[in-house]
Amino acid sequence: MSFGDELLDRFNVRLLTMDRPGMGDSSGYETRTLDSTSNDYRVFVEQTLGIRGVSISVIANSQGGVFGLSTALHGWVSRLVLASPADEISNPTIHAMLPHEATQLADIACSDPEQAANILATFTPQGMETMVINGSHPSDQAFYQQPAFLARYRKALEEGFAQDGKGYVTDTLIAMRPWNLKLTDIHVPTTILYGAHDRSHSPDKTATLTSRIPGAKRVVIDDAGGALLWTHSEQVLRAALEN
């Protein structure tokens, strides 16, 4: 699921994406953790580019935000851009802002990960599509349901829930449980882009998350929602290319 395809040549950008273990055709990894996943990214980049110690910009979207933050802490990232990042639900400040129905599954993930995994395993591509679209701002709903995007989105969902959804379950448990990341140790330039009409990723439009990262810049885009990675691709890429 890439973005900004029509802009890459103009900006002289090579965009690398990968399936996390257990998604698409990627082999599963039963003991995968946040730390091991971040290391997977580093190895993937080094082997794809054929060099070691490469420093690149990382763009992380939605539930991928926690993985982007982890890569920044690993020291091989030159810049981090979080586009519509999902907040840390288990953070006490964020948790207190959310209604019970929004924290219930995350609470179970903390108290009984196996039960939470069983619940998450019942999710399907169709169910996820319905949940995302129904919970979005009307402007996002209109964008998501454009035929070209919807076909691509559905293909990505099928890949994301491949292999009985085990990769999705692992990802979501990592994101829902305490991140245990010392965000004050992030010392790379960090920009957080958030849509003013985004109803699902952060209860305070990432104000708390931004305050936890030294020097992080937060931009709330007035005419954007949760789909800003695609609707505002140029702004996302420019943030990744800032000097």
C-alpha atoms as a PDB file:
ATOM      1  CA  MET A   1       0.000   0.000   0.000  1.00  0.00           C
ATOM      2  CA  SER A   2       2.125   2.883  -1.247  1.00  0.00           C
ATOM      3  CA  PHE A   3       1.231   6.546  -1.686  1.00  0.00           C
ATOM      4  CA  GLY A   4       2.212   9.566  -3.754  1.00  0.00           C
ATOM      5  CA  ASP A   5       3.224   7.404  -6.721  1.00  0.00           C
ATOM      6  CA  GLU A   6       2.789  10.291  -9.148  1.00  0.00           C
ATOM      7  CA  LEU A   7       5.166  12.486  -7.103  1.00  0.00           C
ATOM      8  CA  LEU A   8       8.145  10.180  -6.627  1.00  0.00           C
ATOM      9  CA  ASP A   9       9.974  11.009  -9.854  1.00  0.00           C
ATOM     10  CA  ARG A  10       9.484  14.749  -9.362  1.00  0.00           C
ATOM     11  CA  PHE A  11      10.910  14.582  -5.848  1.00  0.00           C
ATOM     12  CA  ASN A  12      13.611  12.066  -6.821  1.00  0.00           C
ATOM     13  CA  VAL A  13      12.373   9.676  -4.134  1.00  0.00           C
ATOM     14  CA  ARG A  14      12.667   5.920  -3.899  1.00  0.00           C
ATOM     15  CA  LEU A  15       9.850   4.626  -1.728  1.00  0.00           C
ATOM     16  CA  LEU A  16      10.439   1.292   0.017  1.00  0.00           C
ATOM     17  CA  THR A  17       7.626  -0.661   1.642  1.00  0.00           C
ATOM     18  CA  MET A  18       7.519  -4.140   3.119  1.00  0.00           C
ATOM     19  CA  ASP A  19       5.108  -6.691   4.554  1.00  0.00           C
ATOM     20  CA  ARG A  20       5.689  -7.296   8.230  1.00  0.00           C
ATOM     21  CA  PRO A  21       6.150 -10.983   9.145  1.00  0.00           C
ATOM     22  CA  GLY A  22       2.946 -12.963   8.739  1.00  0.00           C
ATOM     23  CA  MET A  23       1.354 -10.520   6.306  1.00  0.00           C
ATOM     24  CA  GLY A  24       1.033 -11.009   2.554  1.00  0.00           C
ATOM     25  CA  ASP A  25       3.591 -13.576   1.426  1.00  0.00           C
ATOM     26  CA  SER A  26       5.999 -12.840   4.275  1.00  0.00           C
ATOM     27  CA  SER A  27       6.786 -15.763   6.559  1.00  0.00           C
ATOM     28  CA  GLY A  28       5.259 -15.652  10.015  1.00  0.00           C
ATOM     29  CA  TYR A  29       7.345 -15.008  13.125  1.00  0.00           C
ATOM     30  CA  GLU A  30       5.622 -16.342  16.244  1.00  0.00           C
ATOM     31  CA  THR A  31       7.785 -14.449  18.756  1.00  0.00           C
ATOM     32  CA  ARG A  32       7.875 -11.160  16.871  1.00  0.00           C
ATOM     33  CA  THR A  33       8.206  -8.061  19.043  1.00  0.00           C
ATOM     34  CA  LEU A  34       8.299  -4.317  18.469  1.00  0.00           C
ATOM     35  CA  ASP A  35      12.080  -4.390  18.765  1.00  0.00           C
ATOM     36  CA  SER A  36      12.560  -7.297  16.368  1.00  0.00           C
ATOM     37  CA  THR A  37      10.239  -5.695  13.826  1.00  0.00           C
ATOM     38  CA  SER A  38      12.259  -2.470  13.900  1.00  0.00           C
ATOM     39  CA  ASN A  39      15.399  -4.497  13.312  1.00  0.00           C
ATOM     40  CA  ASP A  40      13.678  -6.209  10.369  1.00  0.00           C
ATOM     41  CA  TYR A  41      13.225  -2.784   8.782  1.00  0.00           C
ATOM     42  CA  ARG A  42      16.901  -1.946   9.263  1.00  0.00           C
ATOM     43  CA  VAL A  43      18.064  -5.218   7.693  1.00  0.00           C
ATOM     44  CA  PHE A  44      15.578  -4.851   4.841  1.00  0.00           C
ATOM     45  CA  VAL A  45      16.828  -1.344   4.038  1.00  0.00           C
ATOM     46  CA  GLU A  46      20.488  -2.303   4.243  1.00  0.00           C
ATOM     47  CA  GLN A  47      20.051  -5.343   2.010  1.00  0.00           C
ATOM     48  CA  THR A  48      17.770  -3.578  -0.483  1.00  0.00           C
ATOM     49  CA  LEU A  49      20.137  -0.634  -0.883  1.00  0.00           C
ATOM     50  CA  GLY A  50      23.256  -2.771  -0.627  1.00  0.00           C
ATOM     51  CA  ILE A  51      24.907  -0.621   2.025  1.00  0.00           C
ATOM     52  CA  ARG A  52      25.186  -0.687   5.796  1.00  0.00           C
ATOM     53  CA  GLY A  53      24.604   2.110   8.234  1.00  0.00           C
ATOM     54  CA  VAL A  54      22.280   3.880   5.828  1.00  0.00           C
ATOM     55  CA  SER A  55      20.309   6.761   7.269  1.00  0.00           C
ATOM     56  CA  ILE A  56      16.928   7.417   5.685  1.00  0.00           C
ATOM     57  CA  SER A  57      13.635   9.145   6.316  1.00  0.00           C
ATOM     58  CA  VAL A  58      10.856   6.938   7.656  1.00  0.00           C
ATOM     59  CA  ILE A  59       7.156   7.624   7.151  1.00  0.00           C
ATOM     60  CA  ALA A  60       4.766   5.684   9.377  1.00  0.00           C
ATOM     61  CA  ASN A  61       0.990   5.723   9.059  1.00  0.00           C
ATOM     62  CA  SER A  62      -1.842   4.803  11.447  1.00  0.00           C
ATOM     63  CA  GLN A  63      -1.036   1.671  13.488  1.00  0.00           C
ATOM     64  CA  GLY A  64       2.423   1.710  11.924  1.00  0.00           C
ATOM     65  CA  GLY A  65       3.247   4.769  14.025  1.00  0.00           C
ATOM     66  CA  VAL A  66       4.625   2.747  16.931  1.00  0.00           C
ATOM     67  CA  PHE A  67       6.983   0.925  14.556  1.00  0.00           C
ATOM     68  CA  GLY A  68       8.182   4.239  13.133  1.00  0.00           C
ATOM     69  CA  LEU A  69       8.918   5.514  16.628  1.00  0.00           C
ATOM     70  CA  SER A  70      10.870   2.371  17.415  1.00  0.00           C
ATOM     71  CA  THR A  71      13.005   2.716  14.283  1.00  0.00           C
ATOM     72  CA  ALA A  72      13.838   6.292  15.301  1.00  0.00           C
ATOM     73  CA  LEU A  73      15.054   5.009  18.668  1.00  0.00           C
ATOM     74  CA  HIS A  74      17.273   2.456  16.935  1.00  0.00           C
ATOM     75  CA  GLY A  75      19.470   5.272  15.601  1.00  0.00           C
ATOM     76  CA  TRP A  76      19.580   4.582  11.861  1.00  0.00           C
ATOM     77  CA  VAL A  77      16.772   6.942  10.869  1.00  0.00           C
ATOM     78  CA  SER A  78      17.586  10.502   9.807  1.00  0.00           C
ATOM     79  CA  ARG A  79      14.021  11.834   9.967  1.00  0.00           C
ATOM     80  CA  LEU A  80      10.645  10.526  11.106  1.00  0.00           C
ATOM     81  CA  VAL A  81       7.248  11.528   9.765  1.00  0.00           C
ATOM     82  CA  LEU A  82       4.127  10.190  11.463  1.00  0.00           C
ATOM     83  CA  ALA A  83       1.053  10.538   9.256  1.00  0.00           C
ATOM     84  CA  SER A  84      -2.212  10.045  11.161  1.00  0.00           C
ATOM     85  CA  PRO A  85      -0.453   7.943  13.824  1.00  0.00           C
ATOM     86  CA  ALA A  86      -2.507   5.785  16.161  1.00  0.00           C
ATOM     87  CA  ASP A  87      -1.925   6.974  19.712  1.00  0.00           C
ATOM     88  CA  GLU A  88      -0.760   4.851  22.658  1.00  0.00           C
ATOM     89  CA  ILE A  89      -4.079   3.814  24.183  1.00  0.00           C
ATOM     90  CA  SER A  90      -2.408   2.433  27.307  1.00  0.00           C
ATOM     91  CA  ASN A  91      -0.766   5.787  28.058  1.00  0.00           C
ATOM     92  CA  PRO A  92      -2.664   7.046  31.146  1.00  0.00           C
ATOM     93  CA  THR A  93      -3.274  10.519  29.698  1.00  0.00           C
ATOM     94  CA  ILE A  94      -4.671   9.165  26.430  1.00  0.00           C
ATOM     95  CA  HIS A  95      -6.583   6.353  28.135  1.00  0.00           C
ATOM     96  CA  ALA A  96      -8.394   8.869  30.344  1.00  0.00           C
ATOM     97  CA  MET A  97      -9.596  10.821  27.300  1.00  0.00           C
ATOM     98  CA  LEU A  98     -11.293   7.841  25.682  1.00  0.00           C
ATOM     99  CA  PRO A  99     -14.690   6.275  26.401  1.00  0.00           C
ATOM    100  CA  HIS A 100     -14.809   2.757  27.804  1.00  0.00           C
ATOM    101  CA  GLU A 101     -15.842   1.218  24.488  1.00  0.00           C
ATOM    102  CA  ALA A 102     -12.700   2.630  22.881  1.00  0.00           C
ATOM    103  CA  THR A 103     -10.345   1.206  25.513  1.00  0.00           C
ATOM    104  CA  GLN A 104     -12.068  -2.099  26.305  1.00  0.00           C
ATOM    105  CA  LEU A 105     -10.109  -4.266  23.861  1.00  0.00           C
ATOM    106  CA  ALA A 106      -6.820  -2.554  24.726  1.00  0.00           C
ATOM    107  CA  ASP A 107      -7.509  -3.200  28.417  1.00  0.00           C
ATOM    108  CA  ILE A 108      -8.079  -6.878  27.657  1.00  0.00           C
ATOM    109  CA  ALA A 109      -4.849  -6.916  25.615  1.00  0.00           C
ATOM    110  CA  CYS A 110      -3.006  -5.794  28.740  1.00  0.00           C
ATOM    111  CA  SER A 111      -4.735  -8.098  31.222  1.00  0.00           C
ATOM    112  CA  ASP A 112      -5.272 -11.172  29.045  1.00  0.00           C
ATOM    113  CA  PRO A 113      -3.324 -11.057  25.739  1.00  0.00           C
ATOM    114  CA  GLU A 114      -4.536 -14.512  24.731  1.00  0.00           C
ATOM    115  CA  GLN A 115      -8.181 -13.502  25.017  1.00  0.00           C
ATOM    116  CA  ALA A 116      -7.494 -10.311  23.064  1.00  0.00           C
ATOM    117  CA  ALA A 117      -5.710 -12.317  20.383  1.00  0.00           C
ATOM    118  CA  ASN A 118      -8.738 -14.597  20.057  1.00  0.00           C
ATOM    119  CA  ILE A 119     -11.018 -11.585  19.645  1.00  0.00           C
ATOM    120  CA  LEU A 120      -8.733  -9.977  17.063  1.00  0.00           C
ATOM    121  CA  ALA A 121      -8.543 -13.271  15.158  1.00  0.00           C
ATOM    122  CA  THR A 122     -12.254 -12.927  14.354  1.00  0.00           C
ATOM    123  CA  PHE A 123     -11.653  -9.754  12.341  1.00  0.00           C
ATOM    124  CA  THR A 124     -11.889 -10.057   8.559  1.00  0.00           C
ATOM    125  CA  PRO A 125     -10.890  -7.799   5.645  1.00  0.00           C
ATOM    126  CA  GLN A 126     -14.560  -7.018   5.058  1.00  0.00           C
ATOM    127  CA  GLY A 127     -15.142  -6.228   8.719  1.00  0.00           C
ATOM    128  CA  MET A 128     -12.117  -3.952   8.849  1.00  0.00           C
ATOM    129  CA  GLU A 129     -13.209  -2.098   5.712  1.00  0.00           C
ATOM    130  CA  THR A 130     -16.665  -1.510   7.170  1.00  0.00           C
ATOM    131  CA  MET A 131     -15.290  -0.383  10.529  1.00  0.00           C
ATOM    132  CA  VAL A 132     -12.826   2.069   8.975  1.00  0.00           C
ATOM    133  CA  ILE A 133     -15.285   3.597   6.522  1.00  0.00           C
ATOM    134  CA  ASN A 134     -18.208   3.829   8.954  1.00  0.00           C
ATOM    135  CA  GLY A 135     -16.008   5.458  11.593  1.00  0.00           C
ATOM    136  CA  SER A 136     -14.552   8.063   9.246  1.00  0.00           C
ATOM    137  CA  HIS A 137     -15.452  11.654   8.477  1.00  0.00           C
ATOM    138  CA  PRO A 138     -17.652  12.046   5.371  1.00  0.00           C
ATOM    139  CA  SER A 139     -14.720  13.472   3.402  1.00  0.00           C
ATOM    140  CA  ASP A 140     -12.677  10.346   4.165  1.00  0.00           C
ATOM    141  CA  GLN A 141     -15.621   8.101   3.353  1.00  0.00           C
ATOM    142  CA  ALA A 142     -15.915   9.688  -0.075  1.00  0.00           C
ATOM    143  CA  PHE A 143     -12.210   9.226  -0.722  1.00  0.00           C
ATOM    144  CA  TYR A 144     -12.046   5.633   0.488  1.00  0.00           C
ATOM    145  CA  GLN A 145     -14.954   4.647  -1.723  1.00  0.00           C
ATOM    146  CA  GLN A 146     -13.470   5.968  -4.953  1.00  0.00           C
ATOM    147  CA  PRO A 147     -13.314   2.853  -7.183  1.00  0.00           C
ATOM    148  CA  ALA A 148      -9.570   2.976  -7.901  1.00  0.00           C
ATOM    149  CA  PHE A 149      -8.597   3.478  -4.267  1.00  0.00           C
ATOM    150  CA  LEU A 150     -11.146   0.995  -2.929  1.00  0.00           C
ATOM    151  CA  ALA A 151      -9.833  -1.766  -5.200  1.00  0.00           C
ATOM    152  CA  ARG A 152      -6.291  -1.117  -4.000  1.00  0.00           C
ATOM    153  CA  TYR A 153      -7.393  -0.878  -0.387  1.00  0.00           C
ATOM    154  CA  ARG A 154      -9.253  -4.185  -0.554  1.00  0.00           C
ATOM    155  CA  LYS A 155      -6.223  -5.908  -2.031  1.00  0.00           C
ATOM    156  CA  ALA A 156      -4.092  -4.538   0.806  1.00  0.00           C
ATOM    157  CA  LEU A 157      -6.619  -5.751   3.374  1.00  0.00           C
ATOM    158  CA  GLU A 158      -6.610  -9.242   1.867  1.00  0.00           C
ATOM    159  CA  GLU A 159      -2.817  -9.296   2.130  1.00  0.00           C
ATOM    160  CA  GLY A 160      -2.911  -7.875   5.646  1.00  0.00           C
ATOM    161  CA  PHE A 161      -5.226 -10.628   6.845  1.00  0.00           C
ATOM    162  CA  ALA A 162      -3.426 -13.427   5.007  1.00  0.00           C
ATOM    163  CA  GLN A 163      -2.234 -16.492   6.926  1.00  0.00           C
ATOM    164  CA  ASP A 164      -5.344 -16.480   9.147  1.00  0.00           C
ATOM    165  CA  GLY A 165      -4.666 -12.893  10.205  1.00  0.00           C
ATOM    166  CA  LYS A 166      -1.807 -13.845  12.527  1.00  0.00           C
ATOM    167  CA  GLY A 167       0.367 -10.940  11.415  1.00  0.00           C
ATOM    168  CA  TYR A 168      -2.479  -8.489  11.977  1.00  0.00           C
ATOM    169  CA  VAL A 169      -3.125  -9.909  15.448  1.00  0.00           C
ATOM    170  CA  THR A 170       0.547  -9.546  16.407  1.00  0.00           C
ATOM    171  CA  ASP A 171       0.697  -5.988  15.077  1.00  0.00           C
ATOM    172  CA  THR A 172      -2.430  -4.931  16.929  1.00  0.00           C
ATOM    173  CA  LEU A 173      -1.375  -6.450  20.236  1.00  0.00           C
ATOM    174  CA  ILE A 174       1.934  -4.597  19.970  1.00  0.00           C
ATOM    175  CA  ALA A 175       0.125  -1.323  19.277  1.00  0.00           C
ATOM    176  CA  MET A 176      -2.557  -1.786  21.968  1.00  0.00           C
ATOM    177  CA  ARG A 177      -0.314  -2.807  24.835  1.00  0.00           C
ATOM    178  CA  PRO A 178       2.183  -0.430  26.527  1.00  0.00           C
ATOM    179  CA  TRP A 179       4.819   0.546  24.000  1.00  0.00           C
ATOM    180  CA  ASN A 180       7.614   0.754  26.569  1.00  0.00           C
ATOM    181  CA  LEU A 181       9.450   3.215  24.335  1.00  0.00           C
ATOM    182  CA  LYS A 182      11.473   5.998  25.913  1.00  0.00           C
ATOM    183  CA  LEU A 183      10.265   8.675  23.514  1.00  0.00           C
ATOM    184  CA  THR A 184      12.423  11.297  25.238  1.00  0.00           C
ATOM    185  CA  ASP A 185      15.426   9.495  23.715  1.00  0.00           C
ATOM    186  CA  ILE A 186      14.295  10.234  20.159  1.00  0.00           C
ATOM    187  CA  HIS A 187      16.733  12.816  18.815  1.00  0.00           C
ATOM    188  CA  VAL A 188      15.969  12.804  15.101  1.00  0.00           C
ATOM    189  CA  PRO A 189      13.757  15.503  13.543  1.00  0.00           C
ATOM    190  CA  THR A 190      10.169  14.335  13.927  1.00  0.00           C
ATOM    191  CA  THR A 191       7.062  15.713  12.255  1.00  0.00           C
ATOM    192  CA  ILE A 192       3.546  14.583  13.117  1.00  0.00           C
ATOM    193  CA  LEU A 193       0.853  15.290  10.538  1.00  0.00           C
ATOM    194  CA  TYR A 194      -2.749  14.945  11.668  1.00  0.00           C
ATOM    195  CA  GLY A 195      -6.037  15.684   9.942  1.00  0.00           C
ATOM    196  CA  ALA A 196      -8.489  17.990  11.692  1.00  0.00           C
ATOM    197  CA  HIS A 197     -11.310  15.650  10.605  1.00  0.00           C
ATOM    198  CA  ASP A 198      -9.576  12.463  11.790  1.00  0.00           C
ATOM    199  CA  ARG A 199     -11.976  10.745  14.181  1.00  0.00           C
ATOM    200  CA  SER A 200     -10.102   7.608  15.107  1.00  0.00           C
ATOM    201  CA  HIS A 201      -6.347   7.833  15.597  1.00  0.00           C
ATOM    202  CA  SER A 202      -5.847  10.200  18.543  1.00  0.00           C
ATOM    203  CA  PRO A 203      -8.333  11.794  20.970  1.00  0.00           C
ATOM    204  CA  ASP A 204      -6.321  15.029  21.237  1.00  0.00           C
ATOM    205  CA  LYS A 205      -5.050  15.100  17.660  1.00  0.00           C
ATOM    206  CA  THR A 206      -1.588  13.893  18.844  1.00  0.00           C
ATOM    207  CA  ALA A 207      -0.939  16.881  21.140  1.00  0.00           C
ATOM    208  CA  THR A 208       0.145  14.568  23.973  1.00  0.00           C
ATOM    209  CA  LEU A 209       2.194  12.335  21.690  1.00  0.00           C
ATOM    210  CA  THR A 210       3.997  15.336  20.240  1.00  0.00           C
ATOM    211  CA  SER A 211       4.839  16.645  23.716  1.00  0.00           C
ATOM    212  CA  ARG A 212       6.542  13.346  24.551  1.00  0.00           C
ATOM    213  CA  ILE A 213       9.092  13.630  21.723  1.00  0.00           C
ATOM    214  CA  PRO A 214      11.820  16.277  22.113  1.00  0.00           C
ATOM    215  CA  GLY A 215      11.561  18.956  19.449  1.00  0.00           C
ATOM    216  CA  ALA A 216       8.765  17.206  17.554  1.00  0.00           C
ATOM    217  CA  LYS A 217       6.708  19.391  15.219  1.00  0.00           C
ATOM    218  CA  ARG A 218       2.947  18.889  14.996  1.00  0.00           C
ATOM    219  CA  VAL A 219       0.913  20.033  12.007  1.00  0.00           C
ATOM    220  CA  VAL A 220      -2.875  19.743  12.085  1.00  0.00           C
ATOM    221  CA  ILE A 221      -4.169  19.957   8.518  1.00  0.00           C
ATOM    222  CA  ASP A 222      -7.524  21.716   8.397  1.00  0.00           C
ATOM    223  CA  ASP A 223      -8.899  20.037   5.275  1.00  0.00           C
ATOM    224  CA  ALA A 224      -7.648  16.514   6.004  1.00  0.00           C
ATOM    225  CA  GLY A 225      -9.003  13.458   7.787  1.00  0.00           C
ATOM    226  CA  GLY A 226      -7.565  10.057   8.553  1.00  0.00           C
ATOM    227  CA  ALA A 227      -6.715   9.453   4.890  1.00  0.00           C
ATOM    228  CA  LEU A 228      -4.178  12.289   4.697  1.00  0.00           C
ATOM    229  CA  LEU A 229      -1.353   9.935   3.675  1.00  0.00           C
ATOM    230  CA  TRP A 230      -3.100   9.681   0.305  1.00  0.00           C
ATOM    231  CA  THR A 231      -5.070  12.922   0.128  1.00  0.00           C
ATOM    232  CA  HIS A 232      -2.058  15.054   1.147  1.00  0.00           C
ATOM    233  CA  SER A 233       0.801  12.938  -0.165  1.00  0.00           C
ATOM    234  CA  GLU A 234       2.842  15.936  -1.289  1.00  0.00           C
ATOM    235  CA  GLN A 235       2.807  17.443   2.209  1.00  0.00           C
ATOM    236  CA  VAL A 236       3.866  14.097   3.670  1.00  0.00           C
ATOM    237  CA  LEU A 237       6.768  13.726   1.257  1.00  0.00           C
ATOM    238  CA  ARG A 238       7.916  17.310   1.750  1.00  0.00           C
ATOM    239  CA  ALA A 239       8.020  16.713   5.500  1.00  0.00           C
ATOM    240  CA  ALA A 240      10.209  13.653   4.934  1.00  0.00           C
ATOM    241  CA  LEU A 241      12.589  15.610   2.705  1.00  0.00           C
ATOM    242  CA  GLU A 242      13.084  18.671   4.913  1.00  0.00           C
ATOM    243  CA  ASN A 243      16.699  19.553   5.580  1.00  0.00           C
END
